Protein backbone atom coordinates (compact mmCIF):
# COMPACT_ATOMS: atom_id res chain seq x y z
CA MET A 1 0.05 0.14 -0.02
CA PRO A 2 1.48 3.27 -0.90
CA THR A 3 2.03 5.94 1.56
CA VAL A 4 1.76 9.65 1.59
CA PRO A 5 4.44 11.88 3.17
CA ASN A 6 2.61 12.05 6.71
CA GLY A 7 2.95 8.37 6.89
CA GLY A 8 -0.70 7.47 6.16
CA PRO A 9 -2.72 5.59 3.42
CA SER A 10 -3.21 7.55 -0.19
CA VAL A 11 -6.54 9.00 -0.75
CA LEU A 12 -6.86 6.67 -3.66
CA ASP A 13 -6.41 3.83 -1.41
CA ARG A 14 -8.90 4.65 0.98
CA HIS A 15 -11.63 5.38 -1.37
CA PRO A 16 -11.29 2.60 -4.13
CA SER A 17 -14.92 3.25 -5.69
CA ARG A 18 -13.46 7.02 -6.43
CA ARG A 19 -10.70 5.54 -8.60
CA ARG A 20 -12.55 4.07 -11.62
CA PRO A 21 -14.91 7.00 -12.20
CA THR A 22 -11.75 9.52 -11.93
CA ILE A 23 -9.99 7.47 -14.36
CA ILE A 24 -12.97 7.22 -16.77
CA GLY A 25 -13.49 10.88 -16.47
CA LEU A 26 -9.77 11.60 -17.29
CA VAL A 27 -9.92 9.42 -20.39
CA LEU A 28 -13.20 11.11 -21.52
CA LEU A 29 -11.64 14.46 -21.05
CA LEU A 30 -8.45 13.68 -22.99
CA SER A 31 -10.59 12.36 -25.91
CA LEU A 32 -12.65 15.14 -25.90
CA LEU A 33 -9.66 17.36 -25.86
CA ALA A 34 -8.19 15.28 -28.95
CA SER A 35 -11.15 15.28 -30.93
CA ALA A 36 -11.35 19.13 -30.38
CA CYS A 37 -7.97 19.58 -31.48
CA GLY A 38 -8.40 17.54 -34.64
CA ALA A 39 -11.53 19.14 -35.51
CA ALA A 40 -9.68 22.36 -35.33
CA THR A 41 -6.92 21.59 -37.51
CA THR A 42 -9.30 20.23 -40.51
CA SER A 43 -11.70 23.11 -40.29
CA THR A 44 -8.98 25.69 -40.49
CA ALA A 45 -7.13 23.84 -43.44
CA ALA A 46 -6.94 26.13 -46.90
CA PRO A 47 -9.31 25.02 -49.52
CA THR A 48 -8.09 23.60 -52.76
CA PRO A 49 -7.75 26.34 -55.25
CA ILE A 50 -10.10 26.26 -58.24
CA ASN A 51 -8.63 26.79 -61.74
CA VAL A 52 -11.10 29.57 -63.19
CA ASN A 53 -10.36 28.21 -66.78
CA GLU A 54 -11.76 24.93 -65.80
CA MET A 55 -14.86 26.49 -64.75
CA SER A 56 -15.45 29.19 -67.59
CA MET A 57 -17.15 28.31 -71.09
CA ASN A 58 -14.86 28.34 -74.00
CA PRO A 59 -15.57 31.64 -75.87
CA ALA A 60 -17.94 31.67 -78.85
CA GLU A 61 -16.57 30.93 -82.26
CA GLU A 62 -16.27 33.94 -84.27
CA THR A 63 -19.03 34.49 -86.75
CA THR A 64 -18.94 35.79 -90.14
CA MET A 65 -20.99 38.94 -90.95
CA PRO A 66 -23.61 38.18 -93.74
CA GLU A 67 -23.05 39.27 -97.14
CA PRO A 68 -24.43 42.64 -98.22
CA VAL A 69 -27.42 42.26 -100.67
CA GLU A 70 -26.53 44.24 -103.97
CA SER A 71 -29.74 44.19 -105.50
CA LEU A 72 -33.42 44.20 -104.54
CA GLU A 73 -34.28 40.78 -106.25
CA GLU A 74 -32.04 39.15 -103.76
CA LEU A 75 -34.41 40.27 -100.89
CA PRO A 76 -36.96 37.96 -99.41
CA SER A 77 -40.28 38.07 -101.05
CA ALA A 78 -42.78 40.69 -99.84
CA ALA A 79 -45.65 39.01 -101.62
CA PRO A 80 -48.94 39.25 -100.22
CA PRO A 81 -49.68 36.53 -97.63
CA SER A 82 -52.56 35.19 -99.56
CA GLY A 83 -51.64 31.42 -99.27
CA ASP A 84 -48.94 29.23 -100.91
CA PRO A 85 -50.42 26.49 -103.18
CA GLU A 86 -47.94 24.17 -101.59
CA VAL A 87 -49.22 24.90 -98.06
CA GLU A 88 -52.29 23.04 -96.87
CA GLU A 89 -55.19 25.18 -96.83
CA VAL A 90 -55.61 27.17 -93.53
CA THR A 91 -58.77 26.70 -91.88
CA VAL A 92 -60.87 29.87 -91.83
CA ASP A 93 -62.78 30.42 -88.90
CA TYR A 94 -63.75 34.05 -89.27
CA THR A 95 -67.18 34.27 -90.92
CA LEU A 96 -68.57 37.78 -90.33
CA GLY A 97 -67.36 38.95 -93.68
CA ALA A 98 -65.77 42.01 -94.70
CA ASP A 99 -66.65 45.56 -93.14
CA ASP A 100 -66.12 47.05 -96.40
CA ALA A 101 -65.17 44.35 -99.01
CA GLU A 102 -64.62 47.03 -101.79
CA ALA A 103 -62.29 49.09 -99.64
CA PHE A 104 -60.50 46.11 -98.43
CA ALA A 105 -59.87 44.79 -101.82
CA ALA A 106 -58.47 47.94 -103.19
CA ALA A 107 -56.27 48.63 -100.05
CA TYR A 108 -55.14 44.96 -100.22
CA ARG A 109 -54.15 45.34 -103.99
CA SER A 110 -52.56 48.84 -103.55
CA THR A 111 -50.61 47.43 -100.70
CA PHE A 112 -49.42 44.47 -102.51
CA GLU A 113 -49.14 45.72 -106.05
CA GLY A 114 -47.76 43.55 -108.63
CA ALA A 115 -49.57 40.57 -107.44
CA ASP A 116 -52.37 39.34 -109.71
CA LEU A 117 -55.27 38.81 -107.34
CA ASP A 118 -58.60 38.05 -108.19
CA ASP A 119 -61.67 39.16 -106.08
CA GLN A 120 -62.01 35.44 -104.45
CA THR A 121 -58.46 35.37 -103.47
CA VAL A 122 -58.44 38.72 -101.76
CA ASP A 123 -61.56 37.98 -99.91
CA THR A 124 -60.09 34.59 -98.74
CA ALA A 125 -56.96 36.52 -97.90
CA GLY A 126 -58.98 38.98 -95.60
CA ALA A 127 -61.03 36.09 -93.84
CA ARG A 128 -57.65 34.20 -93.27
CA LEU A 129 -55.90 37.16 -91.54
CA CYS A 130 -59.10 37.87 -89.53
CA THR A 131 -59.08 34.16 -88.32
CA TYR A 132 -55.42 34.82 -87.11
CA LEU A 133 -56.57 37.89 -85.49
CA MET A 134 -59.59 36.33 -83.85
CA ARG A 135 -57.89 33.30 -82.69
CA HIS A 136 -55.29 35.47 -80.74
CA ALA A 137 -57.69 38.58 -79.56
CA ASP A 138 -58.65 39.12 -75.90
CA ASP A 139 -62.21 39.98 -74.81
CA ASP A 140 -61.72 43.61 -75.78
CA GLY A 141 -60.39 42.83 -79.43
CA ALA A 142 -56.76 43.57 -78.60
CA VAL A 143 -54.31 41.31 -80.42
CA ALA A 144 -50.54 40.99 -79.85
CA MET A 145 -48.85 41.05 -83.21
CA GLU A 146 -46.26 38.46 -82.28
CA ASP A 147 -48.81 35.75 -81.61
CA ALA A 148 -51.01 36.29 -84.66
CA MET A 149 -47.78 36.54 -86.70
CA LEU A 150 -46.36 33.45 -85.18
CA GLU A 151 -49.31 31.39 -86.21
CA ALA A 152 -49.61 32.90 -89.43
CA ASP A 153 -46.00 32.16 -90.25
CA LEU A 154 -46.52 28.66 -89.27
CA ASN A 155 -49.64 27.89 -91.72
CA GLU A 156 -48.12 30.16 -94.30
CA PRO A 157 -44.27 30.16 -93.96
CA GLY A 158 -41.80 32.16 -96.00
CA TYR A 159 -43.52 35.71 -96.08
CA ALA A 160 -41.41 38.82 -94.63
CA ARG A 161 -42.32 40.12 -91.37
CA GLU A 162 -43.24 43.60 -93.12
CA ALA A 163 -45.67 41.86 -95.33
CA TRP A 164 -47.78 40.28 -92.43
CA ILE A 165 -47.71 43.81 -90.60
CA ALA A 166 -48.92 45.42 -93.91
CA ALA A 167 -51.68 42.75 -94.24
CA PHE A 168 -52.94 42.81 -90.62
CA ASP A 169 -53.02 46.80 -91.04
CA VAL A 170 -55.07 46.27 -94.09
CA ALA A 171 -57.33 43.78 -92.50
CA THR A 172 -57.82 45.63 -89.54
CA ALA A 173 -58.82 49.02 -91.40
CA HIS A 174 -61.19 47.55 -93.70
CA TYR A 175 -62.23 43.52 -93.11
CA CYS A 176 -62.12 42.94 -89.39
CA GLY A 177 -62.06 46.49 -87.60
CA GLU A 178 -63.50 44.84 -84.14
CA PHE A 179 -59.74 43.70 -83.93
CA GLU A 180 -56.71 46.16 -82.76
CA VAL A 181 -53.26 45.01 -83.50
CA ILE A 182 -50.74 45.83 -80.54
CA GLU A 183 -47.10 45.67 -81.40
């Protein structure tokens, strides 16, 4: 039995039940201290640097400028959107007829002069244009030009944007005035 300087038994020997919890507590304290030190060293480590070139997108390839048009014959067609024989016939839902058929025919022919159009073709073109407008009109008759033009271009591809704008203007002025085109 160990002795202390005054000659008596040690405190640990007098209370053997305290020795085990003290040792367990000391082991737990040391393990907590070791894990805290380990966590501190891992959290303060410097992050791996990122190479920006690996994250960036490659620059776009250079594109060439379009060739300038030398003559008007090289421009896309501005013929009236009155239907292409190769395109499937468009379903005409507008059945109210023209507000002023004669004024529409005169304005349509004037807008698209040079096109040989009979009366039936002109009337069908007006009904078709008003169908596109009707399908995209809100309750007040307002139509977004882009919406009507998208459908028209899907059904009758190949006409220049300016041709559609001019045709819709003539249609709303003389054929189906209940619609207002909003650009």
